[in-house]
Amino acid sequence: MRDAASFVAEESIVKFPNLAWAIHERGSQFQFAAQLGESESWVSRRLTGRVEFTAKERQRVAHELGYPVDWLFQILVPPTVEPKCSRQEGA
């Protein structure tokens, strides 16, 4: 089983990497969409953030996957890093 970070690095850009990982662990996006009674494009558009999940959809997805809503829909934010000084000493 791959961890979420390595899974996301290998997949296309997604807004909710934990959700993408959880879906992948259950099978394919197509299979998961079928379980929900939705199309694969419905799932894809929401995973990439092109369409927002409603609160009710988030609950339904979390229930189907068996993971907490907050974890599935956590948005990863890179840490703030101060830019390095580009001037060389003595210049």
Foldseek 3Di string as FASTA:
>chain_A
DDDLVVVCVPDDDFQFSLLCVLCVVVPDLQVLCVVVVHHSVVVVCCRRPVDDDDPVRLVVSCVVSVHDSCNRNPGDDDDDDDDDDPDDPPD
